[in-house]
Amino acid sequence: MAVVEKGLLLDKALPYCPGCGHTVINKQLDQAIRELQLSPLDVIVVSDIGCCGLVDGVLGCHTVHGLHGRSAALALGISLGLQDPRKKVVVVLGDGGATIGLAHLLEAARQNVDMTVLVQNNMVYGMTGGQVSGLTPEPVKHQTLPEEGQIPPFNLVQLVHDAGAVFSARSLVGPNVKPLLREALETPGFSLVEIVEMCPSYGIRKVKELKAVLPFPEGVWRRHRPVRRIHAETRPSLLDRLPGIAGRYQSALRRRVNVLLAGSAGEGVQSAGELLASAAISAGLCSTKKGEYPITVGTGFSVVEVILSPEEILYTGIEVPDVALVVSQDGWDKVKTRLAPATRLIVDAHLSIDWRHPAERLDFRRTVGGRSAALAAVAYWLKKEAVLPIEALKEVSRNRKYAPTLLQAIEKGRKMAI
């Protein structure tokens, strides 16, 4: 990872089309940060969906990538949670995101939350083909959508000023942008800078052409208001209400193990993953469990990632699984591209798999049924590898619904390893 001592931009090519105004704006933001001598560790950039959101990968500061139009709402929560004037919360969004999330911008301005918003207004949805937005001027709309040619755009800067922004400005892309960004960053409270720019792929390509269609004047609007602060108080965590998992067992595991469990939806795959993670915790290990399944719950694949580690788990993703337990064709079709030659593959005997590396085939489904196959596979692997005591898996299963069925599947899976 590159180390950045000053400025925001990493030593990488910016990910925009040649001639895109985003390149100019991001470089000017970087220069403003440098002139203010702000540490990248004190800057949080919240980006929106669209071409503007591509900036995440070239920034050497904290970044959060939001849903379309929701970046201002996320930034509001971050700023109120920090309540630290030394930290700069910066929103980067386009004209599409600004109009989709207009209510969020107005609310942040009304409350005068300490944050800076950069609206990179190229007058079109550049990432999806040049559709018009709520900030597209009438002449530009008339070219692509004549029936809306008489509908005026929002005067975004005036709206946030009327809502309570302490600093709001509009400028064409160019040398005037950097001092505006600098003042916005230095101003306590809500500030917004709308920068009208080019889109070489679908919009206006020259600054002089931007001037001809600019619907509202450039300018700066200022006012003085107290910055919104909240009274912080400590309350009991909701997690405290959850029953803990007693550490009654021990594990000989000395390294992190990434486990992938795959099967069909509705066949207990998620429950098997949760039981494995709980058993690991009861054996003194750190563990995480993440599930994945289609939005059509109850059909298709069901996949679980479980990490077992004697050390704290700081990253919960699995890039390459150490072991994969696959008990249905749905599961295999979903995870087969994620496996590596070194992955230990344990599959149900009836599956049709195109795998050129060693695999262990056992008839889990015929032995315990489809709904218990995943848990039996977990028990088989635990017994075979001695990762943690099989009794730990039984212990966390005893207080669950259908405990007798769960315990039966565990016992049959254990015997398959003998």
Protein backbone atom coordinates (compact mmCIF):
# COMPACT_ATOMS: atom_id res chain seq x y z
CA MET A 1 0.00 0.00 0.00
CA ALA A 2 1.30 3.44 -0.93
CA VAL A 3 2.14 5.79 1.93
CA VAL A 4 0.88 9.35 1.55
CA GLU A 5 2.30 12.07 3.76
CA LYS A 6 0.61 15.03 2.05
CA GLY A 7 -2.34 15.41 -0.25
CA LEU A 8 -5.06 12.93 -1.12
CA LEU A 9 -4.19 11.50 -4.51
CA LEU A 10 -2.09 8.38 -4.80
CA ASP A 11 0.51 8.07 -7.52
CA LYS A 12 -1.97 6.46 -9.91
CA ALA A 13 -3.60 7.44 -13.19
CA LEU A 14 -7.00 9.03 -12.67
CA PRO A 15 -9.78 6.74 -13.95
CA TYR A 16 -11.62 9.18 -16.22
CA CYS A 17 -12.04 9.79 -19.95
CA PRO A 18 -9.52 12.20 -21.50
CA GLY A 19 -10.81 15.74 -21.07
CA CYS A 20 -13.15 14.89 -18.19
CA GLY A 21 -13.68 17.70 -15.70
CA HIS A 22 -13.44 15.22 -12.82
CA THR A 23 -9.67 15.04 -13.37
CA VAL A 24 -9.29 18.81 -12.96
CA ILE A 25 -11.54 18.97 -9.89
CA ASN A 26 -9.87 16.10 -8.06
CA LYS A 27 -6.42 17.58 -8.64
CA GLN A 28 -7.64 20.94 -7.30
CA LEU A 29 -9.12 19.24 -4.23
CA ASP A 30 -5.75 17.56 -3.69
CA GLN A 31 -3.99 20.94 -3.98
CA ALA A 32 -6.41 22.58 -1.53
CA ILE A 33 -5.75 19.81 0.99
CA ARG A 34 -2.01 20.28 0.56
CA GLU A 35 -2.21 24.05 0.99
CA LEU A 36 -4.23 23.60 4.19
CA GLN A 37 -1.57 21.09 5.35
CA LEU A 38 -4.23 18.55 6.24
CA SER A 39 -3.15 15.00 6.91
CA PRO A 40 -4.91 12.38 4.75
CA LEU A 41 -5.68 10.58 8.00
CA ASP A 42 -7.87 13.54 8.96
CA VAL A 43 -9.91 13.45 5.74
CA ILE A 44 -12.93 11.20 5.08
CA VAL A 45 -14.24 11.21 1.51
CA VAL A 46 -17.76 9.85 1.00
CA SER A 47 -18.35 9.20 -2.69
CA ASP A 48 -21.52 8.59 -4.64
CA ILE A 49 -22.45 6.27 -7.49
CA GLY A 50 -21.38 7.40 -10.96
CA CYS A 51 -18.15 8.49 -12.62
CA CYS A 52 -17.40 10.68 -9.59
CA GLY A 53 -17.34 7.56 -7.39
CA LEU A 54 -14.37 6.12 -9.29
CA VAL A 55 -12.18 8.42 -7.21
CA ASP A 56 -12.08 5.93 -4.30
CA GLY A 57 -9.33 3.86 -5.84
CA VAL A 58 -6.91 6.78 -6.23
CA LEU A 59 -7.33 8.34 -2.79
CA GLY A 60 -4.91 7.84 0.09
CA CYS A 61 -7.41 8.83 2.80
CA HIS A 62 -10.41 7.23 4.49
CA THR A 63 -13.16 6.53 1.93
CA VAL A 64 -16.78 5.39 2.09
CA HIS A 65 -18.68 4.51 -1.10
CA GLY A 66 -22.39 5.18 -0.78
CA LEU A 67 -25.55 4.24 -2.61
CA HIS A 68 -26.80 6.54 -5.36
CA GLY A 69 -27.81 9.86 -3.80
CA ARG A 70 -27.11 8.71 -0.24
CA SER A 71 -23.55 9.94 0.19
CA ALA A 72 -24.65 13.13 1.96
CA ALA A 73 -26.70 11.15 4.47
CA LEU A 74 -23.73 8.90 5.21
CA ALA A 75 -21.46 11.92 5.61
CA LEU A 76 -23.92 13.55 7.99
CA GLY A 77 -23.78 10.50 10.25
CA ILE A 78 -19.99 10.34 10.06
CA SER A 79 -19.59 14.03 10.91
CA LEU A 80 -22.03 13.96 13.83
CA GLY A 81 -20.41 10.77 15.11
CA LEU A 82 -16.91 12.27 14.98
CA GLN A 83 -17.77 15.79 16.20
CA ASP A 84 -14.13 16.67 15.67
CA PRO A 85 -13.36 19.94 13.81
CA ARG A 86 -9.91 18.59 12.96
CA LYS A 87 -11.52 15.97 10.71
CA LYS A 88 -12.77 16.98 7.28
CA VAL A 89 -15.75 15.06 5.92
CA VAL A 90 -15.96 15.59 2.16
CA VAL A 91 -18.81 14.40 -0.08
CA VAL A 92 -18.08 13.83 -3.78
CA LEU A 93 -21.16 13.38 -5.96
CA GLY A 94 -22.47 14.21 -9.41
CA ASP A 95 -25.51 16.10 -10.60
CA GLY A 96 -27.50 12.86 -10.73
CA GLY A 97 -26.67 11.89 -7.16
CA ALA A 98 -27.31 15.45 -5.98
CA THR A 99 -30.87 15.43 -7.30
CA ILE A 100 -31.59 11.84 -6.26
CA GLY A 101 -30.45 12.75 -2.74
CA LEU A 102 -31.64 16.36 -2.71
CA ALA A 103 -33.51 15.94 0.58
CA HIS A 104 -30.33 14.67 2.25
CA LEU A 105 -28.40 17.74 1.10
CA LEU A 106 -31.10 20.12 2.29
CA GLU A 107 -31.35 18.40 5.67
CA ALA A 108 -27.59 18.53 6.20
CA ALA A 109 -27.64 22.23 5.25
CA ARG A 110 -30.63 22.91 7.52
CA GLN A 111 -28.86 21.31 10.47
CA ASN A 112 -25.56 22.96 9.48
CA VAL A 113 -23.60 19.76 9.90
CA ASP A 114 -19.84 20.23 9.59
CA MET A 115 -19.16 18.77 6.12
CA THR A 116 -18.12 19.88 2.62
CA VAL A 117 -20.01 18.79 -0.50
CA LEU A 118 -18.45 18.84 -3.98
CA VAL A 119 -21.07 18.56 -6.72
CA GLN A 120 -19.32 17.64 -9.94
CA ASN A 121 -22.02 18.82 -12.33
CA ASN A 122 -21.35 17.69 -15.87
CA MET A 123 -25.08 18.07 -16.57
CA VAL A 124 -25.62 14.40 -17.54
CA TYR A 125 -25.50 10.85 -16.19
CA GLY A 126 -22.11 10.19 -17.73
CA MET A 127 -21.67 6.59 -16.55
CA THR A 128 -24.94 5.30 -18.01
CA GLY A 129 -25.06 7.02 -21.39
CA GLY A 130 -25.82 10.73 -21.03
CA GLN A 131 -29.33 10.81 -19.57
CA VAL A 132 -30.50 14.15 -18.17
CA SER A 133 -30.60 14.97 -14.45
CA GLY A 134 -32.37 17.49 -12.28
CA LEU A 135 -29.48 19.93 -12.86
CA THR A 136 -29.44 19.64 -16.67
CA PRO A 137 -30.14 23.07 -18.28
CA GLU A 138 -33.05 23.46 -20.72
CA PRO A 139 -30.86 23.87 -23.85
CA VAL A 140 -29.01 20.62 -23.09
CA LYS A 141 -32.24 18.75 -22.36
CA HIS A 142 -33.81 20.06 -25.53
CA GLN A 143 -31.12 18.31 -27.57
CA THR A 144 -31.84 14.83 -26.19
CA LEU A 145 -35.30 15.11 -24.59
CA PRO A 146 -37.28 17.86 -26.37
CA GLU A 147 -40.45 17.27 -24.33
CA GLU A 148 -38.56 18.37 -21.20
CA GLY A 149 -36.84 21.29 -22.88
CA GLN A 150 -39.02 23.81 -21.06
CA ILE A 151 -38.56 22.33 -17.56
CA PRO A 152 -35.96 24.35 -15.62
CA PRO A 153 -33.26 22.68 -13.52
CA PHE A 154 -32.93 23.01 -9.77
CA ASN A 155 -30.90 25.96 -8.55
CA LEU A 156 -29.00 23.73 -6.16
CA VAL A 157 -26.76 26.40 -4.67
CA GLN A 158 -29.73 28.67 -3.92
CA LEU A 159 -31.65 25.75 -2.40
CA VAL A 160 -28.91 24.79 0.06
CA HIS A 161 -28.30 28.46 0.89
CA ASP A 162 -31.98 28.94 1.69
CA ALA A 163 -31.90 25.71 3.73
CA GLY A 164 -29.14 27.11 5.94
CA ALA A 165 -25.73 26.39 4.37
CA VAL A 166 -23.01 28.69 5.72
CA PHE A 167 -21.03 28.54 2.47
CA SER A 168 -22.40 27.76 -0.97
CA ALA A 169 -20.80 28.50 -4.31
CA ARG A 170 -21.06 27.82 -8.02
CA SER A 171 -18.20 27.95 -10.50
CA LEU A 172 -17.29 26.76 -13.93
CA VAL A 173 -14.41 24.29 -13.91
CA GLY A 174 -11.14 26.19 -13.97
CA PRO A 175 -8.66 28.05 -11.77
CA ASN A 176 -11.37 29.58 -9.58
CA VAL A 177 -12.31 26.20 -8.13
CA LYS A 178 -9.32 25.63 -5.84
CA PRO A 179 -9.80 28.77 -3.67
CA LEU A 180 -13.51 27.93 -3.37
CA LEU A 181 -12.68 24.40 -2.22
CA ARG A 182 -10.16 25.72 0.23
CA GLU A 183 -12.63 28.19 1.76
CA ALA A 184 -15.31 25.51 1.90
CA LEU A 185 -12.97 23.17 3.77
CA GLU A 186 -11.95 25.93 6.18
CA THR A 187 -15.52 27.02 6.93
CA PRO A 188 -17.06 25.36 10.01
CA GLY A 189 -20.50 24.00 9.17
CA PHE A 190 -22.20 22.89 5.96
CA SER A 191 -20.58 24.03 2.72
CA LEU A 192 -21.36 23.11 -0.89
CA VAL A 193 -19.47 23.91 -4.08
CA GLU A 194 -21.16 23.16 -7.38
CA ILE A 195 -18.61 22.88 -10.18
CA VAL A 196 -20.05 22.92 -13.70
CA GLU A 197 -17.79 20.83 -15.91
CA MET A 198 -17.33 18.92 -19.14
CA CYS A 199 -18.30 15.36 -20.05
CA PRO A 200 -16.30 14.51 -23.17
CA SER A 201 -18.26 11.31 -23.83
CA TYR A 202 -21.89 12.41 -23.57
CA GLY A 203 -22.06 16.07 -22.59
CA ILE A 204 -20.55 19.44 -23.34
CA ARG A 205 -16.86 19.27 -24.23
CA LYS A 206 -15.62 22.88 -23.95
CA VAL A 207 -15.72 25.47 -21.15
CA LYS A 208 -16.93 28.22 -23.49
CA GLU A 209 -19.88 26.02 -24.42
CA LEU A 210 -20.62 25.53 -20.72
CA LYS A 211 -20.84 29.27 -20.28
CA ALA A 212 -23.44 29.49 -23.03
CA VAL A 213 -25.87 27.11 -21.29
CA LEU A 214 -25.13 27.91 -17.62
CA PRO A 215 -28.63 28.45 -16.19
CA PHE A 216 -27.60 30.26 -13.01
CA PRO A 217 -24.76 32.70 -12.30
CA GLU A 218 -21.45 31.83 -10.70
CA GLY A 219 -21.03 33.23 -7.22
CA VAL A 220 -20.58 32.70 -3.50
CA TRP A 221 -23.18 32.93 -0.75
CA ARG A 222 -22.15 33.06 2.92
CA ARG A 223 -23.77 33.31 6.33
CA HIS A 224 -22.85 32.68 10.00
CA ARG A 225 -24.59 30.00 12.06
CA PRO A 226 -23.62 27.72 14.94
CA VAL A 227 -22.36 24.31 13.83
CA ARG A 228 -24.68 21.42 14.61
CA ARG A 229 -23.44 19.33 17.51
CA ILE A 230 -25.05 16.46 19.34
CA HIS A 231 -24.92 15.44 22.96
CA ALA A 232 -23.19 12.08 23.13
CA GLU A 233 -24.05 9.61 25.83
CA THR A 234 -23.08 6.03 26.42
CA ARG A 235 -25.82 3.44 26.55
CA PRO A 236 -25.68 -0.33 26.98
CA SER A 237 -24.92 -2.12 23.74
CA LEU A 238 -27.67 -4.21 22.19
CA LEU A 239 -25.02 -6.91 21.87
CA ASP A 240 -24.95 -7.15 25.65
CA ARG A 241 -28.44 -8.68 25.52
CA LEU A 242 -27.27 -11.59 23.42
CA PRO A 243 -26.32 -14.79 25.21
CA GLY A 244 -22.59 -15.37 25.17
CA ILE A 245 -20.77 -18.52 24.10
CA ALA A 246 -18.89 -20.12 26.93
CA GLY A 247 -15.28 -21.16 26.22
CA ARG A 248 -15.42 -24.75 27.43
CA TYR A 249 -13.13 -26.41 24.92
CA GLN A 250 -9.68 -25.99 23.42
CA SER A 251 -8.38 -26.04 19.88
CA ALA A 252 -4.92 -26.94 18.62
CA LEU A 253 -5.31 -24.65 15.60
CA ARG A 254 -2.25 -22.43 15.10
CA ARG A 255 -3.14 -20.57 11.92
CA ARG A 256 -6.13 -18.99 10.21
CA VAL A 257 -8.32 -21.40 8.23
CA ASN A 258 -10.80 -20.17 5.60
CA VAL A 259 -13.79 -22.47 5.19
CA LEU A 260 -16.29 -22.33 2.33
CA LEU A 261 -19.55 -24.21 2.80
CA ALA A 262 -21.84 -24.48 -0.23
CA GLY A 263 -25.17 -26.13 -0.91
CA SER A 264 -28.76 -25.35 -1.82
CA ALA A 265 -31.05 -22.79 -0.21
CA GLY A 266 -33.35 -24.17 2.44
CA GLU A 267 -31.07 -27.09 3.30
CA GLY A 268 -29.48 -25.79 6.49
CA VAL A 269 -26.25 -24.45 4.98
CA GLN A 270 -26.47 -21.13 6.84
CA SER A 271 -27.26 -22.92 10.11
CA ALA A 272 -24.32 -25.28 9.64
CA GLY A 273 -22.00 -22.31 9.12
CA GLU A 274 -23.32 -20.57 12.22
CA LEU A 275 -22.88 -23.72 14.31
CA LEU A 276 -19.30 -24.14 13.06
CA ALA A 277 -18.45 -20.53 13.95
CA SER A 278 -20.10 -20.88 17.38
CA ALA A 279 -18.24 -24.12 18.07
CA ALA A 280 -14.96 -22.42 17.17
CA ILE A 281 -15.66 -19.63 19.66
CA SER A 282 -16.49 -22.18 22.37
CA ALA A 283 -13.09 -23.75 21.62
CA GLY A 284 -11.27 -20.47 22.26
CA LEU A 285 -10.88 -19.40 18.62
CA CYS A 286 -11.87 -16.20 16.89
CA SER A 287 -14.45 -16.79 14.17
CA THR A 288 -16.60 -14.96 11.63
CA LYS A 289 -19.49 -16.16 9.49
CA LYS A 290 -20.86 -14.52 6.34
CA GLY A 291 -23.74 -15.91 4.31
CA GLU A 292 -24.74 -15.43 0.68
CA TYR A 293 -27.89 -16.55 -1.14
CA PRO A 294 -30.17 -15.20 -3.91
CA ILE A 295 -32.88 -12.64 -3.24
CA THR A 296 -35.33 -15.40 -4.10
CA VAL A 297 -34.91 -16.89 -0.63
CA GLY A 298 -35.49 -20.64 -0.55
CA THR A 299 -34.31 -21.39 -4.09
CA GLY A 300 -30.90 -21.65 -5.74
CA PHE A 301 -27.55 -21.71 -3.99
CA SER A 302 -26.59 -21.05 -0.38
CA VAL A 303 -22.99 -20.24 0.52
CA VAL A 304 -21.30 -19.56 3.84
CA GLU A 305 -17.81 -18.23 4.54
CA VAL A 306 -16.44 -19.17 7.97
CA ILE A 307 -13.04 -18.07 9.23
CA LEU A 308 -11.37 -19.86 12.16
CA SER A 309 -8.32 -18.24 13.70
CA PRO A 310 -6.31 -18.28 16.92
CA GLU A 311 -5.68 -14.55 16.34
CA GLU A 312 -8.02 -11.59 16.00
CA ILE A 313 -9.67 -11.45 12.56
CA LEU A 314 -9.23 -8.00 11.05
CA TYR A 315 -10.42 -8.83 7.52
CA THR A 316 -13.49 -11.02 7.22
CA GLY A 317 -13.31 -11.75 3.50
CA ILE A 318 -12.10 -15.03 2.02
CA GLU A 319 -10.05 -14.64 -1.14
CA VAL A 320 -9.07 -18.31 -1.49
CA PRO A 321 -10.65 -21.02 0.73
CA ASP A 322 -8.41 -23.50 2.50
CA VAL A 323 -11.23 -26.03 2.55
CA ALA A 324 -14.51 -26.18 0.64
CA LEU A 325 -17.41 -28.39 1.73
CA VAL A 326 -19.89 -28.69 -1.14
CA VAL A 327 -23.08 -30.73 -0.74
CA SER A 328 -25.27 -29.83 -3.74
CA GLN A 329 -24.99 -29.02 -7.44
CA ASP A 330 -26.32 -25.50 -6.80
CA GLY A 331 -23.49 -24.92 -4.37
CA TRP A 332 -20.84 -26.33 -6.71
CA ASP A 333 -21.98 -24.21 -9.64
CA LYS A 334 -21.74 -21.11 -7.43
CA VAL A 335 -18.30 -21.62 -5.87
CA LYS A 336 -16.29 -23.69 -8.35
CA THR A 337 -14.53 -20.63 -9.80
CA ARG A 338 -13.41 -19.54 -6.33
CA LEU A 339 -11.37 -22.66 -5.59
CA ALA A 340 -7.63 -23.00 -5.99
CA PRO A 341 -5.57 -26.15 -6.64
CA ALA A 342 -4.47 -26.07 -2.99
CA THR A 343 -8.05 -25.94 -1.69
CA ARG A 344 -9.05 -29.11 0.10
CA LEU A 345 -12.31 -30.08 -1.61
CA ILE A 346 -14.86 -32.29 0.13
CA VAL A 347 -17.98 -32.92 -1.98
CA ASP A 348 -21.08 -35.02 -1.90
CA ALA A 349 -20.62 -38.21 -3.89
CA HIS A 350 -23.54 -37.58 -6.26
CA LEU A 351 -22.24 -34.26 -7.62
CA SER A 352 -21.01 -33.79 -11.16
CA ILE A 353 -17.87 -31.67 -10.83
CA ASP A 354 -15.32 -30.58 -13.40
CA TRP A 355 -12.31 -30.56 -11.07
CA ARG A 356 -8.87 -31.85 -12.07
CA HIS A 357 -7.42 -31.82 -8.57
CA PRO A 358 -7.89 -34.25 -5.66
CA ALA A 359 -11.32 -34.26 -4.04
CA GLU A 360 -12.87 -36.31 -1.25
CA ARG A 361 -16.28 -37.73 -2.19
CA LEU A 362 -18.68 -38.87 0.53
CA ASP A 363 -22.37 -39.61 0.36
CA PHE A 364 -23.60 -37.03 2.88
CA ARG A 365 -27.02 -36.57 1.29
CA ARG A 366 -27.94 -40.25 1.23
CA THR A 367 -26.62 -40.76 4.75
CA VAL A 368 -28.40 -37.88 6.53
CA GLY A 369 -30.66 -36.28 3.92
CA GLY A 370 -30.33 -33.02 2.01
CA ARG A 371 -31.33 -30.80 4.92
CA SER A 372 -28.56 -32.19 7.15
CA ALA A 373 -25.83 -32.81 4.58
CA ALA A 374 -23.99 -29.53 5.22
CA LEU A 375 -23.76 -30.12 8.97
CA ALA A 376 -22.64 -33.72 8.45
CA ALA A 377 -19.90 -32.47 6.13
CA VAL A 378 -18.76 -30.01 8.80
CA ALA A 379 -18.65 -32.80 11.40
CA TYR A 380 -16.73 -35.06 9.00
CA TRP A 381 -14.10 -32.38 8.38
CA LEU A 382 -13.73 -31.47 12.06
CA LYS A 383 -13.22 -35.09 13.02
CA LYS A 384 -10.84 -35.76 10.15
CA GLU A 385 -8.73 -32.65 10.74
CA ALA A 386 -9.09 -32.40 14.55
CA VAL A 387 -9.44 -28.63 14.18
CA LEU A 388 -11.55 -28.49 17.33
CA PRO A 389 -13.39 -31.05 19.46
CA ILE A 390 -16.52 -32.50 17.88
CA GLU A 391 -18.13 -32.08 21.31
CA ALA A 392 -17.94 -28.31 20.85
CA LEU A 393 -20.14 -28.62 17.75
CA LYS A 394 -22.58 -30.82 19.64
CA GLU A 395 -22.66 -28.43 22.59
CA VAL A 396 -23.73 -25.41 20.51
CA SER A 397 -26.36 -27.55 18.77
CA ARG A 398 -28.14 -28.82 21.88
CA ASN A 399 -30.15 -25.65 22.54
CA ARG A 400 -31.18 -25.13 18.91
CA LYS A 401 -34.45 -25.92 17.27
CA TYR A 402 -34.45 -29.46 15.89
CA ALA A 403 -31.56 -30.33 18.22
CA PRO A 404 -32.09 -34.12 17.94
CA THR A 405 -31.83 -33.92 14.13
CA LEU A 406 -28.72 -31.73 14.35
CA LEU A 407 -27.00 -34.03 16.82
CA GLN A 408 -27.85 -37.07 14.69
CA ALA A 409 -26.31 -35.43 11.60
CA ILE A 410 -23.16 -34.52 13.56
CA GLU A 411 -22.76 -38.06 14.87
CA LYS A 412 -23.23 -39.63 11.44
CA GLY A 413 -20.78 -37.17 9.90
CA ARG A 414 -18.26 -37.98 12.62
CA LYS A 415 -18.55 -41.71 11.97
CA MET A 416 -17.94 -41.17 8.25
CA ALA A 417 -14.44 -39.90 9.20
CA ILE A 418 -13.54 -43.04 11.18
